[in-house]
Amino acid sequence: MNFLKILVVALSLGLDVFAVSVGVGMRGAARAVKIRIGIAFASAEVIMNLAGVGLGKVAGELLGSVAGYIGFAALIGLGGYMIIEAVRESERKRPLDMSRGWGLVVASLSISLDSLGIGFSILYIGVPLVLSLGVIFVVSICSTALGLTLGRVVGRRAEESAELWAGIVLALTGIAFILAKAFLPA
């Protein structure tokens, strides 16, 4: 059951990474660029998860058992925000080159904000932290590689819907974790 929880979280984060990677891949990318982007995106995901874990731990000490529910509510809110941004993004264009320099830094940080929320709540879903971070890292690299590779083929439409679905999955994950914490024994 723990691995399933980890996989759901990693895949919801991976969808967001996939969406941004498709956008970059639409212009085509050399193998070295794919590797650089994959490592940057996956590293940002793990770093933000760790920052979220730190915040979640502090919140847990200050708020006790309520902190888990706050973390899960944050996932729901973050999922809702991602859904709204996906709808807004469909009306905008991305002029920033996200394959290098500041564009890569901005893209890495923007896709990893959801990881901050995941990190905040990951302590409360009862999964091993190191295994979770490892799976998230691998899924992020795979999602990046797949998005960059399929970018030209799949195009803008998949990018927009992947971001939307990532928000939906994240919100539903938060709801499922709240229900599990409230109604299932620890």
N, C-alpha and C. Protein backbone atom coordinates (compact mmCIF):
# COMPACT_ATOMS: atom_id res chain seq x y z
N MET A 1 0.82 -1.20 0.00
CA MET A 1 0.00 0.00 0.00
C MET A 1 0.86 1.26 0.00
N ASN A 2 2.01 1.22 0.75
CA ASN A 2 2.88 2.38 0.79
C ASN A 2 3.43 2.72 -0.59
N PHE A 3 3.84 1.69 -1.35
CA PHE A 3 4.40 1.96 -2.66
C PHE A 3 3.35 2.56 -3.59
N LEU A 4 2.10 2.13 -3.44
CA LEU A 4 1.02 2.69 -4.25
C LEU A 4 0.83 4.17 -3.93
N LYS A 5 0.89 4.53 -2.65
CA LYS A 5 0.79 5.94 -2.26
C LYS A 5 1.92 6.75 -2.88
N ILE A 6 3.14 6.20 -2.79
CA ILE A 6 4.30 6.89 -3.34
C ILE A 6 4.15 7.05 -4.85
N LEU A 7 3.70 6.00 -5.51
CA LEU A 7 3.56 6.05 -6.96
C LEU A 7 2.52 7.07 -7.40
N VAL A 8 1.40 7.15 -6.68
CA VAL A 8 0.36 8.13 -7.02
C VAL A 8 0.92 9.55 -6.89
N VAL A 9 1.62 9.80 -5.81
CA VAL A 9 2.22 11.12 -5.60
C VAL A 9 3.25 11.41 -6.70
N ALA A 10 4.13 10.46 -6.96
CA ALA A 10 5.18 10.67 -7.96
C ALA A 10 4.58 10.89 -9.35
N LEU A 11 3.55 10.15 -9.69
CA LEU A 11 2.93 10.31 -11.01
C LEU A 11 2.21 11.65 -11.14
N SER A 12 1.57 12.11 -10.05
CA SER A 12 0.91 13.41 -10.13
C SER A 12 1.94 14.52 -10.32
N LEU A 13 3.09 14.41 -9.66
CA LEU A 13 4.17 15.37 -9.87
C LEU A 13 4.76 15.21 -11.27
N GLY A 14 4.86 13.98 -11.73
CA GLY A 14 5.41 13.70 -13.05
C GLY A 14 4.58 14.27 -14.18
N LEU A 15 3.27 14.34 -13.99
CA LEU A 15 2.41 14.92 -15.03
C LEU A 15 2.73 16.39 -15.26
N ASP A 16 2.98 17.11 -14.18
CA ASP A 16 3.33 18.52 -14.30
C ASP A 16 4.67 18.68 -15.02
N VAL A 17 5.64 17.85 -14.64
CA VAL A 17 6.95 17.87 -15.29
C VAL A 17 6.80 17.52 -16.77
N PHE A 18 5.98 16.52 -17.06
CA PHE A 18 5.72 16.12 -18.44
C PHE A 18 5.16 17.29 -19.25
N ALA A 19 4.21 18.01 -18.65
CA ALA A 19 3.56 19.12 -19.35
C ALA A 19 4.58 20.18 -19.76
N VAL A 20 5.45 20.57 -18.84
CA VAL A 20 6.46 21.58 -19.16
C VAL A 20 7.46 21.02 -20.17
N SER A 21 7.82 19.76 -20.03
CA SER A 21 8.78 19.14 -20.95
C SER A 21 8.24 19.06 -22.38
N VAL A 22 6.95 18.82 -22.51
CA VAL A 22 6.35 18.80 -23.84
C VAL A 22 6.52 20.17 -24.49
N GLY A 23 6.28 21.23 -23.70
CA GLY A 23 6.44 22.59 -24.22
C GLY A 23 7.85 22.85 -24.71
N VAL A 24 8.84 22.40 -23.96
CA VAL A 24 10.24 22.57 -24.37
C VAL A 24 10.53 21.68 -25.58
N GLY A 25 10.03 20.45 -25.53
CA GLY A 25 10.30 19.49 -26.60
C GLY A 25 9.68 19.84 -27.93
N MET A 26 8.68 20.71 -27.93
CA MET A 26 8.04 21.12 -29.18
C MET A 26 9.04 21.80 -30.12
N ARG A 27 10.07 22.40 -29.54
CA ARG A 27 11.11 23.05 -30.35
C ARG A 27 12.23 22.07 -30.71
N GLY A 28 12.16 20.86 -30.15
CA GLY A 28 13.21 19.87 -30.37
C GLY A 28 14.33 20.08 -29.36
N ALA A 29 14.99 19.00 -29.00
CA ALA A 29 16.06 19.10 -28.02
C ALA A 29 17.08 18.00 -28.26
N ALA A 30 18.35 18.37 -28.19
CA ALA A 30 19.44 17.41 -28.31
C ALA A 30 19.51 16.55 -27.04
N ARG A 31 20.16 15.42 -27.15
CA ARG A 31 20.26 14.50 -26.00
C ARG A 31 20.87 15.18 -24.77
N ALA A 32 21.92 15.96 -24.94
CA ALA A 32 22.56 16.65 -23.81
C ALA A 32 21.59 17.62 -23.15
N VAL A 33 20.77 18.29 -23.93
CA VAL A 33 19.78 19.22 -23.39
C VAL A 33 18.72 18.44 -22.60
N LYS A 34 18.29 17.31 -23.13
CA LYS A 34 17.31 16.47 -22.43
C LYS A 34 17.85 16.02 -21.07
N ILE A 35 19.10 15.62 -21.04
CA ILE A 35 19.71 15.17 -19.79
C ILE A 35 19.79 16.33 -18.80
N ARG A 36 20.24 17.50 -19.27
CA ARG A 36 20.36 18.68 -18.40
C ARG A 36 19.00 19.06 -17.82
N ILE A 37 17.99 19.09 -18.66
CA ILE A 37 16.64 19.45 -18.20
C ILE A 37 16.11 18.39 -17.25
N GLY A 38 16.30 17.13 -17.57
CA GLY A 38 15.81 16.05 -16.71
C GLY A 38 16.41 16.12 -15.32
N ILE A 39 17.72 16.32 -15.26
CA ILE A 39 18.39 16.42 -13.95
C ILE A 39 17.94 17.66 -13.20
N ALA A 40 17.81 18.78 -13.90
CA ALA A 40 17.38 20.03 -13.24
C ALA A 40 15.96 19.89 -12.70
N PHE A 41 15.04 19.36 -13.51
CA PHE A 41 13.66 19.22 -13.06
C PHE A 41 13.56 18.24 -11.89
N ALA A 42 14.21 17.08 -12.00
CA ALA A 42 14.13 16.07 -10.95
C ALA A 42 14.78 16.58 -9.66
N SER A 43 15.90 17.27 -9.78
CA SER A 43 16.56 17.83 -8.59
C SER A 43 15.69 18.87 -7.91
N ALA A 44 15.07 19.72 -8.70
CA ALA A 44 14.16 20.73 -8.12
C ALA A 44 13.00 20.05 -7.39
N GLU A 45 12.46 18.98 -7.97
CA GLU A 45 11.36 18.25 -7.32
C GLU A 45 11.80 17.73 -5.95
N VAL A 46 12.96 17.10 -5.89
CA VAL A 46 13.44 16.52 -4.63
C VAL A 46 13.78 17.60 -3.62
N ILE A 47 14.45 18.66 -4.06
CA ILE A 47 14.82 19.75 -3.15
C ILE A 47 13.57 20.39 -2.55
N MET A 48 12.56 20.64 -3.37
CA MET A 48 11.33 21.25 -2.85
C MET A 48 10.58 20.27 -1.94
N ASN A 49 10.64 18.97 -2.23
CA ASN A 49 10.04 18.00 -1.33
C ASN A 49 10.73 18.06 0.04
N LEU A 50 12.05 18.13 0.04
CA LEU A 50 12.80 18.21 1.29
C LEU A 50 12.45 19.49 2.06
N ALA A 51 12.33 20.60 1.35
CA ALA A 51 11.93 21.85 2.00
C ALA A 51 10.54 21.70 2.60
N GLY A 52 9.64 21.06 1.86
CA GLY A 52 8.29 20.82 2.36
C GLY A 52 8.28 19.91 3.57
N VAL A 53 9.15 18.88 3.55
CA VAL A 53 9.25 17.98 4.70
C VAL A 53 9.68 18.76 5.94
N GLY A 54 10.66 19.65 5.76
CA GLY A 54 11.12 20.47 6.88
C GLY A 54 10.00 21.33 7.43
N LEU A 55 9.25 21.97 6.53
CA LEU A 55 8.12 22.80 6.97
C LEU A 55 7.04 21.94 7.63
N GLY A 56 6.80 20.76 7.05
CA GLY A 56 5.79 19.86 7.62
C GLY A 56 6.17 19.37 9.00
N LYS A 57 7.45 19.10 9.19
CA LYS A 57 7.93 18.64 10.49
C LYS A 57 7.74 19.73 11.55
N VAL A 58 8.11 20.95 11.20
CA VAL A 58 7.92 22.08 12.13
C VAL A 58 6.43 22.27 12.42
N ALA A 59 5.61 22.23 11.37
CA ALA A 59 4.17 22.38 11.56
C ALA A 59 3.62 21.25 12.42
N GLY A 60 4.13 20.04 12.23
CA GLY A 60 3.69 18.91 13.03
C GLY A 60 4.00 19.09 14.50
N GLU A 61 5.17 19.63 14.79
CA GLU A 61 5.55 19.88 16.17
C GLU A 61 4.71 20.98 16.79
N LEU A 62 4.36 21.99 15.99
CA LEU A 62 3.57 23.11 16.50
C LEU A 62 2.07 22.79 16.57
N LEU A 63 1.57 22.05 15.59
CA LEU A 63 0.13 21.84 15.48
C LEU A 63 -0.34 20.45 15.85
N GLY A 64 0.58 19.52 16.04
CA GLY A 64 0.19 18.15 16.41
C GLY A 64 -0.48 17.42 15.27
N SER A 65 -1.50 16.62 15.57
CA SER A 65 -2.14 15.75 14.58
C SER A 65 -2.92 16.53 13.52
N VAL A 66 -3.23 17.79 13.79
CA VAL A 66 -3.97 18.60 12.82
C VAL A 66 -3.08 18.94 11.62
N ALA A 67 -1.76 18.92 11.80
CA ALA A 67 -0.83 19.30 10.73
C ALA A 67 -1.00 18.41 9.50
N GLY A 68 -1.27 17.12 9.70
CA GLY A 68 -1.49 16.23 8.57
C GLY A 68 -2.65 16.68 7.72
N TYR A 69 -3.75 17.05 8.37
CA TYR A 69 -4.92 17.52 7.63
C TYR A 69 -4.64 18.84 6.91
N ILE A 70 -3.85 19.69 7.54
CA ILE A 70 -3.48 20.95 6.89
C ILE A 70 -2.64 20.67 5.65
N GLY A 71 -1.71 19.73 5.76
CA GLY A 71 -0.89 19.36 4.61
C GLY A 71 -1.72 18.79 3.48
N PHE A 72 -2.68 17.93 3.82
CA PHE A 72 -3.54 17.34 2.79
C PHE A 72 -4.45 18.41 2.17
N ALA A 73 -4.93 19.34 3.00
CA ALA A 73 -5.74 20.44 2.47
C ALA A 73 -4.89 21.31 1.53
N ALA A 74 -3.61 21.46 1.86
CA ALA A 74 -2.71 22.20 0.98
C ALA A 74 -2.58 21.51 -0.38
N LEU A 75 -2.56 20.17 -0.38
CA LEU A 75 -2.52 19.43 -1.65
C LEU A 75 -3.76 19.71 -2.48
N ILE A 76 -4.91 19.72 -1.83
CA ILE A 76 -6.16 20.00 -2.53
C ILE A 76 -6.13 21.42 -3.10
N GLY A 77 -5.69 22.38 -2.28
CA GLY A 77 -5.59 23.77 -2.75
C GLY A 77 -4.60 23.91 -3.89
N LEU A 78 -3.47 23.23 -3.78
CA LEU A 78 -2.46 23.28 -4.82
C LEU A 78 -2.99 22.65 -6.10
N GLY A 79 -3.71 21.54 -5.98
CA GLY A 79 -4.32 20.91 -7.15
C GLY A 79 -5.31 21.85 -7.82
N GLY A 80 -6.13 22.53 -7.02
CA GLY A 80 -7.07 23.51 -7.56
C GLY A 80 -6.36 24.65 -8.27
N TYR A 81 -5.28 25.11 -7.66
CA TYR A 81 -4.48 26.18 -8.27
C TYR A 81 -3.91 25.73 -9.62
N MET A 82 -3.40 24.49 -9.66
CA MET A 82 -2.84 23.96 -10.91
C MET A 82 -3.91 23.86 -11.99
N ILE A 83 -5.12 23.48 -11.61
CA ILE A 83 -6.22 23.40 -12.57
C ILE A 83 -6.51 24.78 -13.14
N ILE A 84 -6.60 25.78 -12.26
CA ILE A 84 -6.87 27.16 -12.70
C ILE A 84 -5.74 27.66 -13.60
N GLU A 85 -4.49 27.41 -13.21
CA GLU A 85 -3.35 27.84 -14.02
C GLU A 85 -3.32 27.13 -15.38
N ALA A 86 -3.71 25.87 -15.41
CA ALA A 86 -3.74 25.14 -16.69
C ALA A 86 -4.75 25.78 -17.63
N VAL A 87 -5.88 26.18 -17.09
CA VAL A 87 -6.90 26.84 -17.92
C VAL A 87 -6.38 28.20 -18.39
N ARG A 88 -5.76 28.96 -17.51
CA ARG A 88 -5.20 30.27 -17.89
C ARG A 88 -4.06 30.12 -18.89
N GLU A 89 -3.22 29.12 -18.68
CA GLU A 89 -2.05 28.90 -19.53
C GLU A 89 -2.45 28.58 -20.96
N SER A 90 -3.62 27.99 -21.13
CA SER A 90 -4.05 27.65 -22.48
C SER A 90 -4.28 28.91 -23.33
N GLU A 91 -4.39 30.05 -22.67
CA GLU A 91 -4.61 31.31 -23.38
C GLU A 91 -3.32 32.10 -23.59
N ARG A 92 -2.21 31.65 -22.96
CA ARG A 92 -0.94 32.38 -23.04
C ARG A 92 0.08 31.57 -23.82
N LYS A 93 1.12 32.25 -24.23
CA LYS A 93 2.25 31.58 -24.87
C LYS A 93 3.44 31.65 -23.93
N ARG A 94 4.37 30.72 -24.05
CA ARG A 94 5.57 30.69 -23.23
C ARG A 94 6.77 31.19 -24.02
N PRO A 95 7.12 32.46 -23.89
CA PRO A 95 8.25 32.98 -24.66
C PRO A 95 9.61 32.60 -24.08
N LEU A 96 9.66 32.16 -22.83
CA LEU A 96 10.91 31.88 -22.13
C LEU A 96 11.54 30.58 -22.62
N ASP A 97 12.84 30.59 -22.89
CA ASP A 97 13.57 29.39 -23.28
C ASP A 97 13.85 28.59 -22.00
N MET A 98 13.15 27.49 -21.82
CA MET A 98 13.26 26.71 -20.59
C MET A 98 14.31 25.60 -20.70
N SER A 99 15.17 25.65 -21.69
CA SER A 99 16.16 24.59 -21.86
C SER A 99 17.52 24.94 -21.27
N ARG A 100 17.73 26.20 -20.85
CA ARG A 100 19.04 26.58 -20.30
C ARG A 100 18.93 27.89 -19.52
N GLY A 101 19.96 28.17 -18.75
CA GLY A 101 20.08 29.44 -18.03
C GLY A 101 18.93 29.71 -17.08
N TRP A 102 18.57 31.00 -17.01
CA TRP A 102 17.50 31.41 -16.09
C TRP A 102 16.16 30.79 -16.46
N GLY A 103 15.94 30.56 -17.73
CA GLY A 103 14.70 29.91 -18.14
C GLY A 103 14.57 28.53 -17.53
N LEU A 104 15.68 27.78 -17.49
CA LEU A 104 15.68 26.45 -16.88
C LEU A 104 15.47 26.55 -15.37
N VAL A 105 16.11 27.53 -14.74
CA VAL A 105 15.93 27.72 -13.29
C VAL A 105 14.48 28.07 -12.98
N VAL A 106 13.91 29.01 -13.71
CA VAL A 106 12.51 29.42 -13.49
C VAL A 106 11.56 28.24 -13.73
N ALA A 107 11.78 27.52 -14.82
CA ALA A 107 10.92 26.36 -15.12
C ALA A 107 11.04 25.30 -14.03
N SER A 108 12.26 25.02 -13.58
CA SER A 108 12.48 24.02 -12.54
C SER A 108 11.77 24.40 -11.24
N LEU A 109 11.89 25.66 -10.87
CA LEU A 109 11.24 26.12 -9.63
C LEU A 109 9.72 26.14 -9.77
N SER A 110 9.24 26.55 -10.93
CA SER A 110 7.79 26.65 -11.09
C SER A 110 7.13 25.28 -11.09
N ILE A 111 7.77 24.29 -11.69
CA ILE A 111 7.15 22.96 -11.67
C ILE A 111 7.33 22.25 -10.35
N SER A 112 8.24 22.74 -9.52
CA SER A 112 8.49 22.06 -8.25
C SER A 112 7.74 22.68 -7.08
N LEU A 113 6.95 23.72 -7.32
CA LEU A 113 6.16 24.29 -6.22
C LEU A 113 5.17 23.28 -5.67
N ASP A 114 4.61 22.43 -6.53
CA ASP A 114 3.71 21.40 -6.03
C ASP A 114 4.45 20.41 -5.14
N SER A 115 5.74 20.22 -5.39
CA SER A 115 6.54 19.32 -4.56
C SER A 115 6.69 19.86 -3.14
N LEU A 116 6.66 21.17 -3.00
CA LEU A 116 6.70 21.76 -1.67
C LEU A 116 5.49 21.30 -0.87
N GLY A 117 4.31 21.33 -1.49
CA GLY A 117 3.09 20.86 -0.84
C GLY A 117 3.13 19.38 -0.56
N ILE A 118 3.65 18.60 -1.50
CA ILE A 118 3.77 17.16 -1.29
C ILE A 118 4.72 16.89 -0.13
N GLY A 119 5.85 17.58 -0.12
CA GLY A 119 6.82 17.40 0.96
C GLY A 119 6.22 17.71 2.32
N PHE A 120 5.38 18.74 2.35
CA PHE A 120 4.73 19.13 3.60
C PHE A 120 3.87 18.00 4.14
N SER A 121 3.19 17.29 3.25
CA SER A 121 2.24 16.27 3.70
C SER A 121 2.79 14.85 3.67
N ILE A 122 3.96 14.64 3.08
CA ILE A 122 4.47 13.28 2.89
C ILE A 122 4.75 12.58 4.22
N LEU A 123 5.09 13.34 5.23
CA LEU A 123 5.34 12.74 6.54
C LEU A 123 4.07 12.13 7.14
N TYR A 124 2.92 12.61 6.68
CA TYR A 124 1.66 12.20 7.30
C TYR A 124 0.93 11.10 6.53
N ILE A 125 1.52 10.61 5.44
CA ILE A 125 0.87 9.52 4.72
C ILE A 125 1.53 8.19 5.02
N GLY A 126 2.53 8.21 5.88
CA GLY A 126 3.13 6.99 6.36
C GLY A 126 3.98 6.25 5.34
N VAL A 127 4.77 6.97 4.55
CA VAL A 127 5.64 6.32 3.57
C VAL A 127 7.09 6.65 3.90
N PRO A 128 8.01 5.75 3.56
CA PRO A 128 9.44 6.03 3.79
C PRO A 128 9.91 7.21 2.95
N LEU A 129 10.52 8.18 3.59
CA LEU A 129 10.92 9.41 2.92
C LEU A 129 11.95 9.17 1.83
N VAL A 130 13.00 8.41 2.12
CA VAL A 130 14.07 8.20 1.15
C VAL A 130 13.53 7.47 -0.09
N LEU A 131 12.71 6.45 0.11
CA LEU A 131 12.11 5.73 -1.01
C LEU A 131 11.22 6.67 -1.82
N SER A 132 10.43 7.47 -1.13
CA SER A 132 9.55 8.43 -1.81
C SER A 132 10.33 9.38 -2.69
N LEU A 133 11.39 9.96 -2.14
CA LEU A 133 12.21 10.91 -2.89
C LEU A 133 12.89 10.23 -4.08
N GLY A 134 13.34 9.01 -3.88
CA GLY A 134 13.96 8.26 -4.98
C GLY A 134 12.98 8.00 -6.11
N VAL A 135 11.77 7.58 -5.77
CA VAL A 135 10.75 7.32 -6.80
C VAL A 135 10.37 8.62 -7.50
N ILE A 136 10.19 9.69 -6.74
CA ILE A 136 9.85 10.99 -7.33
C ILE A 136 10.95 11.43 -8.29
N PHE A 137 12.21 11.25 -7.90
CA PHE A 137 13.34 11.63 -8.76
C PHE A 137 13.30 10.85 -10.07
N VAL A 138 13.14 9.53 -9.99
CA VAL A 138 13.14 8.69 -11.19
C VAL A 138 11.94 9.01 -12.08
N VAL A 139 10.75 9.15 -11.48
CA VAL A 139 9.55 9.47 -12.27
C VAL A 139 9.70 10.84 -12.93
N SER A 140 10.31 11.80 -12.23
CA SER A 140 10.53 13.13 -12.81
C SER A 140 11.45 13.06 -14.02
N ILE A 141 12.53 12.31 -13.92
CA ILE A 141 13.45 12.17 -15.05
C ILE A 141 12.74 11.49 -16.22
N CYS A 142 12.00 10.42 -15.94
CA CYS A 142 11.28 9.71 -17.00
C CYS A 142 10.21 10.60 -17.64
N SER A 143 9.48 11.36 -16.82
CA SER A 143 8.45 12.27 -17.35
C SER A 143 9.07 13.35 -18.21
N THR A 144 10.23 13.86 -17.78
CA THR A 144 10.94 14.88 -18.56
C THR A 144 11.38 14.31 -19.90
N ALA A 145 12.02 13.15 -19.86
CA ALA A 145 12.51 12.53 -21.09
C ALA A 145 11.36 12.23 -22.05
N LEU A 146 10.27 11.70 -21.51
CA LEU A 146 9.11 11.38 -22.34
C LEU A 146 8.51 12.65 -22.94
N GLY A 147 8.35 13.69 -22.12
CA GLY A 147 7.79 14.95 -22.60
C GLY A 147 8.65 15.61 -23.66
N LEU A 148 9.97 15.61 -23.44
CA LEU A 148 10.88 16.21 -24.42
C LEU A 148 10.86 15.43 -25.73
N THR A 149 10.82 14.11 -25.62
CA THR A 149 10.83 13.26 -26.80
C THR A 149 9.53 13.36 -27.59
N LEU A 150 8.42 13.39 -26.89
CA LEU A 150 7.13 13.42 -27.56
C LEU A 150 6.64 14.84 -27.86
N GLY A 151 7.39 15.83 -27.40
CA GLY A 151 6.97 17.23 -27.55
C GLY A 151 6.54 17.62 -28.94
N ARG A 152 7.35 17.29 -29.91
CA ARG A 152 7.01 17.65 -31.29
C ARG A 152 5.79 16.89 -31.78
N VAL A 153 5.67 15.65 -31.37
CA VAL A 153 4.57 14.82 -31.84
C VAL A 153 3.25 15.18 -31.14
N VAL A 154 3.34 15.29 -29.83
CA VAL A 154 2.13 15.48 -29.02
C VAL A 154 1.65 16.93 -29.08
N GLY A 155 2.60 17.86 -28.99
CA GLY A 155 2.28 19.26 -29.16
C GLY A 155 1.61 19.93 -27.99
N ARG A 156 1.13 21.11 -28.24
CA ARG A 156 0.57 22.02 -27.25
C ARG A 156 -0.63 21.43 -26.51
N ARG A 157 -1.47 20.69 -27.19
CA ARG A 157 -2.70 20.17 -26.58
C ARG A 157 -2.40 19.24 -25.39
N ALA A 158 -1.45 18.35 -25.56
CA ALA A 158 -1.10 17.43 -24.48
C ALA A 158 -0.47 18.18 -23.32
N GLU A 159 0.29 19.22 -23.63
CA GLU A 159 0.92 20.01 -22.57
C GLU A 159 -0.15 20.61 -21.67
N GLU A 160 -1.17 21.21 -22.28
CA GLU A 160 -2.22 21.85 -21.50
C GLU A 160 -3.03 20.82 -20.71
N SER A 161 -3.40 19.72 -21.33
CA SER A 161 -4.23 18.75 -20.62
C SER A 161 -3.44 18.02 -19.55
N ALA A 162 -2.14 17.80 -19.74
CA ALA A 162 -1.33 17.13 -18.72
C ALA A 162 -1.26 17.98 -17.45
N GLU A 163 -1.11 19.28 -17.62
CA GLU A 163 -1.06 20.17 -16.47
C GLU A 163 -2.41 20.17 -15.74
N LEU A 164 -3.48 20.17 -16.49
CA LEU A 164 -4.83 20.11 -15.92
C LEU A 164 -5.01 18.81 -15.14
N TRP A 165 -4.63 17.69 -15.76
CA TRP A 165 -4.78 16.39 -15.10
C TRP A 165 -3.89 16.27 -13.87
N ALA A 166 -2.71 16.88 -13.91
CA ALA A 166 -1.84 16.86 -12.74
C ALA A 166 -2.53 17.55 -11.57
N GLY A 167 -3.19 18.68 -11.83
CA GLY A 167 -3.92 19.38 -10.77
C GLY A 167 -5.08 18.55 -10.24
N ILE A 168 -5.80 17.91 -11.13
CA ILE A 168 -6.93 17.07 -10.72
C ILE A 168 -6.44 15.90 -9.86
N VAL A 169 -5.39 15.23 -10.33
CA VAL A 169 -4.84 14.09 -9.57
C VAL A 169 -4.32 14.54 -8.21
N LEU A 170 -3.66 15.68 -8.16
CA LEU A 170 -3.13 16.18 -6.90
C LEU A 170 -4.25 16.50 -5.92
N ALA A 171 -5.31 17.16 -6.38
CA ALA A 171 -6.44 17.47 -5.51
C ALA A 171 -7.12 16.19 -5.03
N LEU A 172 -7.33 15.24 -5.91
CA LEU A 172 -7.95 13.97 -5.51
C LEU A 172 -7.05 13.18 -4.56
N THR A 173 -5.75 13.27 -4.74
CA THR A 173 -4.81 12.62 -3.83
C THR A 173 -4.95 13.21 -2.43
N GLY A 174 -5.03 14.52 -2.34
CA GLY A 174 -5.22 15.17 -1.04
C GLY A 174 -6.50 14.73 -0.37
N ILE A 175 -7.59 14.64 -1.14
CA ILE A 175 -8.87 14.19 -0.60
C ILE A 175 -8.77 12.74 -0.12
N ALA A 176 -8.14 11.88 -0.93
CA ALA A 176 -8.00 10.48 -0.55
C ALA A 176 -7.17 10.32 0.72
N PHE A 177 -6.09 11.11 0.86
CA PHE A 177 -5.26 11.02 2.05
C PHE A 177 -6.01 11.51 3.29
N ILE A 178 -6.82 12.55 3.14
CA ILE A 178 -7.63 13.02 4.27
C ILE A 178 -8.60 11.93 4.71
N LEU A 179 -9.29 11.33 3.76
CA LEU A 179 -10.25 10.27 4.07
C LEU A 179 -9.55 9.07 4.72
N ALA A 180 -8.38 8.70 4.19
CA ALA A 180 -7.63 7.58 4.75
C ALA A 180 -7.19 7.88 6.18
N LYS A 181 -6.70 9.09 6.42
CA LYS A 181 -6.24 9.45 7.76
C LYS A 181 -7.41 9.51 8.75
N ALA A 182 -8.56 9.97 8.27
CA ALA A 182 -9.70 10.10 9.16
C ALA A 182 -10.38 8.77 9.47
N PHE A 183 -10.41 7.86 8.49
CA PHE A 183 -11.23 6.67 8.64
C PHE A 183 -10.50 5.34 8.72
N LEU A 184 -9.22 5.32 8.39
CA LEU A 184 -8.45 4.07 8.45
C LEU A 184 -7.50 4.12 9.64
N PRO A 185 -7.32 2.98 10.29
CA PRO A 185 -6.37 2.96 11.41
C PRO A 185 -4.94 3.16 10.91
N ALA A 186 -4.13 3.78 11.74
CA ALA A 186 -2.74 4.09 11.35
C ALA A 186 -1.89 2.87 11.20
